[in-house]
Amino acid sequence: MDPAWIDALLSPSGRRTWEAAIVDLAAGFAFTGPTTSTAPDLVDAAYESITGRFADSGGAAYWTPKVQAAGPRKLAASLVRTTAHRGRAVDSRYLQIVGRLPDPAGRTYWIGRLGTDGGEQALMASLLATESFRTAATH
């Protein structure tokens, strides 16, 4: 892995969050392809990729003129703070690391924790410390 690439991904404090990276990606891909060539398309694409659903009519009406005027950065920043996005992130990390979905109480806990500083690092550390991960990693 290229150290310069890693340094470019880090914020000045040296810590980069998943949420910040998603916002940067959404902004970088804005208006670059046929499915994101217009503001309404970009709003739907951001909603779908970040929250797993298309924008409802109210969300589309609210965000489309804002995206037209200033790009998608604020839209993406708003969407990554939603319970829908954080729930998808928790589910995804559980599946990737321990091969199963979280139980409802654990999911609720981690969705809330992802909204705090260091939340995603704590989730990853917690999952990597499980017996399920150790068993899967050694077989």
Protein backbone atom coordinates (compact mmCIF):
# COMPACT_ATOMS: atom_id res chain seq x y z
CA MET A 1 0.00 0.00 0.00
CA ASP A 2 1.25 3.46 -0.90
CA PRO A 3 2.01 5.53 2.23
CA ALA A 4 1.40 8.79 0.36
CA TRP A 5 -2.10 7.57 -0.55
CA ILE A 6 -2.80 6.72 3.08
CA ASP A 7 -1.53 10.14 4.21
CA ALA A 8 -3.82 11.79 1.66
CA LEU A 9 -6.81 10.04 3.23
CA LEU A 10 -6.07 11.22 6.75
CA SER A 11 -7.44 14.44 8.16
CA PRO A 12 -5.03 16.90 9.78
CA SER A 13 -5.65 15.25 13.13
CA GLY A 14 -4.55 11.93 11.66
CA ARG A 15 -7.95 10.28 12.07
CA ARG A 16 -10.37 9.87 9.25
CA THR A 17 -13.89 8.63 9.74
CA TRP A 18 -15.92 6.45 7.42
CA GLU A 19 -18.48 9.22 7.30
CA ALA A 20 -15.96 11.82 6.13
CA ALA A 21 -14.67 9.46 3.44
CA ILE A 22 -18.20 8.79 2.17
CA VAL A 23 -18.88 12.52 1.94
CA ASP A 24 -15.67 13.00 -0.05
CA LEU A 25 -16.56 10.13 -2.38
CA ALA A 26 -20.07 11.45 -2.98
CA ALA A 27 -18.68 14.88 -3.80
CA GLY A 28 -16.02 13.39 -6.07
CA PHE A 29 -18.47 11.33 -8.09
CA ALA A 30 -21.03 14.11 -8.49
CA PHE A 31 -22.14 14.68 -12.07
CA THR A 32 -19.55 12.22 -13.46
CA GLY A 33 -21.77 9.58 -15.02
CA PRO A 34 -25.14 8.92 -16.57
CA THR A 35 -26.80 8.00 -13.27
CA THR A 36 -25.53 11.17 -11.57
CA SER A 37 -25.73 13.67 -14.41
CA THR A 38 -28.56 15.77 -12.97
CA ALA A 39 -29.26 17.02 -9.46
CA PRO A 40 -32.39 14.84 -9.04
CA ASP A 41 -30.43 11.79 -10.21
CA LEU A 42 -27.59 12.65 -7.86
CA VAL A 43 -29.99 13.03 -4.93
CA ASP A 44 -31.48 9.59 -5.64
CA ALA A 45 -28.04 8.01 -6.14
CA ALA A 46 -26.74 9.48 -2.87
CA TYR A 47 -29.80 8.36 -0.95
CA GLU A 48 -29.65 4.86 -2.41
CA SER A 49 -25.93 4.32 -1.93
CA ILE A 50 -25.73 5.89 1.54
CA THR A 51 -29.07 4.89 3.11
CA GLY A 52 -30.16 1.96 0.93
CA ARG A 53 -33.33 3.63 -0.33
CA PHE A 54 -34.35 6.32 -2.78
CA ALA A 55 -35.25 9.79 -1.58
CA ASP A 56 -38.89 10.30 -0.67
CA SER A 57 -40.65 13.20 -2.38
CA GLY A 58 -39.98 15.58 0.52
CA GLY A 59 -36.29 14.74 0.66
CA ALA A 60 -35.94 15.05 -3.10
CA ALA A 61 -37.74 18.42 -3.12
CA TYR A 62 -35.57 19.71 -0.29
CA TRP A 63 -32.18 18.49 -1.55
CA THR A 64 -32.43 18.90 -5.34
CA PRO A 65 -32.13 22.71 -5.39
CA LYS A 66 -29.39 22.60 -2.75
CA VAL A 67 -27.39 20.09 -4.81
CA GLN A 68 -27.93 22.18 -7.95
CA ALA A 69 -26.63 25.27 -6.18
CA ALA A 70 -23.77 23.89 -4.13
CA GLY A 71 -23.11 20.24 -5.02
CA PRO A 72 -23.75 17.13 -2.94
CA ARG A 73 -21.37 17.56 0.00
CA LYS A 74 -24.03 18.78 2.48
CA LEU A 75 -26.49 16.12 1.28
CA ALA A 76 -23.95 13.35 1.81
CA ALA A 77 -22.92 14.78 5.18
CA SER A 78 -26.56 14.75 6.27
CA LEU A 79 -27.23 11.23 4.99
CA VAL A 80 -24.22 9.65 6.70
CA ARG A 81 -25.56 10.84 10.04
CA THR A 82 -28.86 8.99 9.60
CA THR A 83 -29.89 5.88 11.47
CA ALA A 84 -30.45 4.18 8.11
CA HIS A 85 -26.83 4.69 7.08
CA ARG A 86 -25.39 3.79 10.44
CA GLY A 87 -27.55 0.68 10.62
CA ARG A 88 -26.29 -0.42 7.21
CA ALA A 89 -22.71 0.19 8.35
CA VAL A 90 -23.18 -1.87 11.52
CA ASP A 91 -24.85 -4.71 9.62
CA SER A 92 -22.14 -4.67 6.98
CA ARG A 93 -19.24 -4.74 9.47
CA TYR A 94 -20.84 -7.59 11.42
CA LEU A 95 -21.30 -9.62 8.23
CA GLN A 96 -17.78 -8.89 7.01
CA ILE A 97 -16.01 -9.63 10.28
CA VAL A 98 -18.06 -12.18 12.20
CA GLY A 99 -20.25 -13.57 9.40
CA ARG A 100 -23.61 -12.72 10.90
CA LEU A 101 -25.94 -9.81 11.59
CA PRO A 102 -25.94 -8.23 15.04
CA ASP A 103 -28.67 -9.02 17.54
CA PRO A 104 -31.24 -6.19 17.87
CA ALA A 105 -29.82 -4.80 21.12
CA GLY A 106 -26.26 -4.83 19.76
CA ARG A 107 -27.38 -3.17 16.55
CA THR A 108 -29.15 -0.40 18.47
CA TYR A 109 -26.11 0.13 20.67
CA TRP A 110 -23.67 0.37 17.76
CA ILE A 111 -25.92 2.64 15.69
CA GLY A 112 -25.84 5.09 18.58
CA ARG A 113 -22.14 4.61 19.16
CA LEU A 114 -21.28 5.34 15.52
CA GLY A 115 -22.49 8.87 16.15
CA THR A 116 -19.72 9.48 18.67
CA ASP A 117 -16.02 10.18 18.20
CA GLY A 118 -14.17 6.93 17.73
CA GLY A 119 -17.38 4.96 17.31
CA GLU A 120 -16.36 3.18 14.15
CA GLN A 121 -12.96 2.30 15.57
CA ALA A 122 -14.65 0.90 18.68
CA LEU A 123 -17.02 -1.20 16.54
CA MET A 124 -14.15 -2.63 14.52
CA ALA A 125 -12.04 -3.31 17.61
CA SER A 126 -14.97 -4.98 19.34
CA LEU A 127 -15.73 -7.23 16.39
CA LEU A 128 -12.09 -8.12 15.81
CA ALA A 129 -11.81 -9.15 19.46
CA THR A 130 -14.69 -11.65 19.28
CA GLU A 131 -14.31 -15.40 19.43
CA SER A 132 -16.32 -15.59 16.19
CA PHE A 133 -13.66 -13.57 14.37
CA ARG A 134 -10.77 -15.51 15.89
CA THR A 135 -12.38 -18.80 14.91
CA ALA A 136 -13.06 -17.64 11.35
CA ALA A 137 -9.58 -16.14 10.97
CA THR A 138 -7.80 -19.33 12.03
CA HIS A 139 -9.74 -21.73 9.82
